[in-house]
Amino acid sequence: QVQLVESGGGLVQPGGSLRLSCAASGTNPRFTVMSWYRQAPGKQRELVASISRTGSTTYQDSVKGRFTISRDDARTTVYLQMNTLRPEDTAVYYCQSMNFITNQEYWGQGTQVTVSS
């Protein structure tokens, strides 16, 4: 059974930093793409960043140069380092795991990030 557990959200002032973590269990790292999504109130969920099994990364344009997605050597924990945070980054952040062989996707429960002075 796949389980994703996010942590690291919270309240931060504009310009501050946060690091989100997503601990995955039950996944097969050889066939898995890990991503971070976010959903702000009244808006659709949007892709923030992804990291492939080979380590290649992609980012939404609005976070390029500010956010960094990474993972541990075992490829079971994914991180999102968020720097120079803006009020518009306020959202619930979700971790997603997708098996590109079976096309099954799994979601974490979400962690709230609030950027406010």
Protein backbone atom coordinates (compact mmCIF):
# COMPACT_ATOMS: atom_id res chain seq x y z
CA GLN A 1 0.00 0.00 0.00
CA VAL A 2 1.41 3.37 -1.03
CA GLN A 3 1.49 6.06 1.61
CA LEU A 4 2.75 9.62 1.32
CA VAL A 5 3.23 11.79 4.39
CA GLU A 6 4.03 15.47 4.02
CA SER A 7 5.51 17.75 6.64
CA GLY A 8 7.18 21.13 6.95
CA GLY A 9 4.41 23.58 6.20
CA GLY A 10 3.66 26.62 8.30
CA LEU A 11 3.46 30.39 8.48
CA VAL A 12 6.33 32.44 7.12
CA GLN A 13 6.88 36.09 6.29
CA PRO A 14 7.37 37.24 2.70
CA GLY A 15 10.95 36.62 1.65
CA GLY A 16 11.31 33.72 4.06
CA SER A 17 11.99 30.05 3.45
CA LEU A 18 10.39 26.71 4.18
CA ARG A 19 11.36 23.13 3.42
CA LEU A 20 8.64 20.58 2.75
CA SER A 21 9.23 16.85 3.03
CA CYS A 22 7.29 13.92 1.62
CA ALA A 23 8.05 10.47 2.96
CA ALA A 24 6.89 7.72 0.60
CA SER A 25 6.35 4.08 1.46
CA GLY A 26 5.15 1.24 -0.74
CA THR A 27 6.36 2.85 -3.98
CA ASN A 28 8.81 1.46 -6.52
CA PRO A 29 11.43 4.20 -7.04
CA ARG A 30 12.48 2.70 -10.39
CA PHE A 31 9.10 3.50 -11.93
CA THR A 32 8.01 6.56 -9.97
CA VAL A 33 7.87 10.26 -10.70
CA MET A 34 7.44 12.42 -7.61
CA SER A 35 5.83 15.83 -7.74
CA TRP A 36 4.65 18.69 -5.60
CA TYR A 37 1.32 20.34 -6.38
CA ARG A 38 -0.42 23.21 -4.65
CA GLN A 39 -3.96 24.47 -4.39
CA ALA A 40 -4.84 27.97 -3.27
CA PRO A 41 -8.36 28.85 -2.07
CA GLY A 42 -10.75 29.12 -4.99
CA LYS A 43 -8.16 27.92 -7.50
CA GLN A 44 -7.39 24.66 -9.25
CA ARG A 45 -4.60 22.42 -8.10
CA GLU A 46 -1.43 23.17 -10.05
CA LEU A 47 1.88 21.44 -10.59
CA VAL A 48 4.78 23.12 -8.82
CA ALA A 49 7.74 20.81 -9.47
CA SER A 50 8.58 17.23 -10.44
CA ILE A 51 11.56 14.94 -10.18
CA SER A 52 11.96 11.84 -12.31
CA ARG A 53 13.53 8.52 -11.37
CA THR A 54 16.74 9.69 -13.06
CA GLY A 55 16.76 12.95 -11.12
CA SER A 56 15.71 15.32 -13.85
CA THR A 57 13.55 18.16 -12.60
CA THR A 58 10.88 20.47 -13.96
CA TYR A 59 9.36 23.59 -12.42
CA GLN A 60 6.41 25.87 -12.86
CA ASP A 61 7.64 29.18 -14.27
CA SER A 62 6.54 31.18 -11.22
CA VAL A 63 8.81 29.20 -8.88
CA LYS A 64 11.90 28.81 -11.05
CA GLY A 65 14.97 30.11 -9.26
CA ARG A 66 13.16 30.13 -5.89
CA PHE A 67 12.09 26.51 -5.31
CA THR A 68 14.22 23.38 -5.52
CA ILE A 69 12.91 19.82 -5.62
CA SER A 70 15.23 17.05 -4.50
CA ARG A 71 15.19 13.56 -3.01
CA ASP A 72 17.24 11.31 -0.78
CA ASP A 73 19.53 8.57 -2.09
CA ALA A 74 16.95 5.88 -1.47
CA ARG A 75 14.47 7.90 -3.55
CA THR A 76 11.82 7.48 -0.86
CA THR A 77 11.76 11.04 0.48
CA VAL A 78 11.23 14.09 -1.67
CA TYR A 79 11.88 17.65 -0.56
CA LEU A 80 10.75 21.04 -1.74
CA GLN A 81 13.03 23.86 -0.63
CA MET A 82 11.12 27.11 -0.99
CA ASN A 83 13.04 30.37 -0.81
CA THR A 84 12.04 34.00 -1.29
CA LEU A 85 8.44 33.09 -0.57
CA ARG A 86 5.67 35.40 -1.73
CA PRO A 87 2.09 35.82 -0.52
CA GLU A 88 0.91 34.24 -3.78
CA ASP A 89 2.71 31.03 -2.78
CA THR A 90 0.12 30.56 -0.04
CA ALA A 91 -1.64 27.25 -0.65
CA VAL A 92 -2.04 23.69 0.52
CA TYR A 93 0.91 21.77 -0.89
CA TYR A 94 0.42 18.14 -1.91
CA CYS A 95 2.94 15.43 -2.66
CA GLN A 96 2.11 13.13 -5.57
CA SER A 97 3.65 9.83 -6.59
CA MET A 98 2.98 8.47 -10.05
CA ASN A 99 3.95 5.05 -11.33
CA PHE A 100 4.53 5.59 -15.04
CA ILE A 101 4.18 1.88 -15.78
CA THR A 102 0.71 1.45 -14.27
CA ASN A 103 -0.33 5.15 -14.47
CA GLN A 104 -1.47 4.93 -10.88
CA GLU A 105 -1.11 8.08 -8.86
CA TYR A 106 -1.14 8.61 -5.13
CA TRP A 107 -1.52 11.74 -3.03
CA GLY A 108 -0.51 12.87 0.39
CA GLN A 109 -2.86 14.63 2.78
CA GLY A 110 -1.44 18.08 2.08
CA THR A 111 0.40 20.63 4.20
CA GLN A 112 -0.58 24.28 4.55
CA VAL A 113 1.90 26.98 3.59
CA THR A 114 0.94 30.54 4.48
CA VAL A 115 3.08 33.49 3.46
CA SER A 116 2.00 36.61 5.29
CA SER A 117 3.37 39.49 7.30
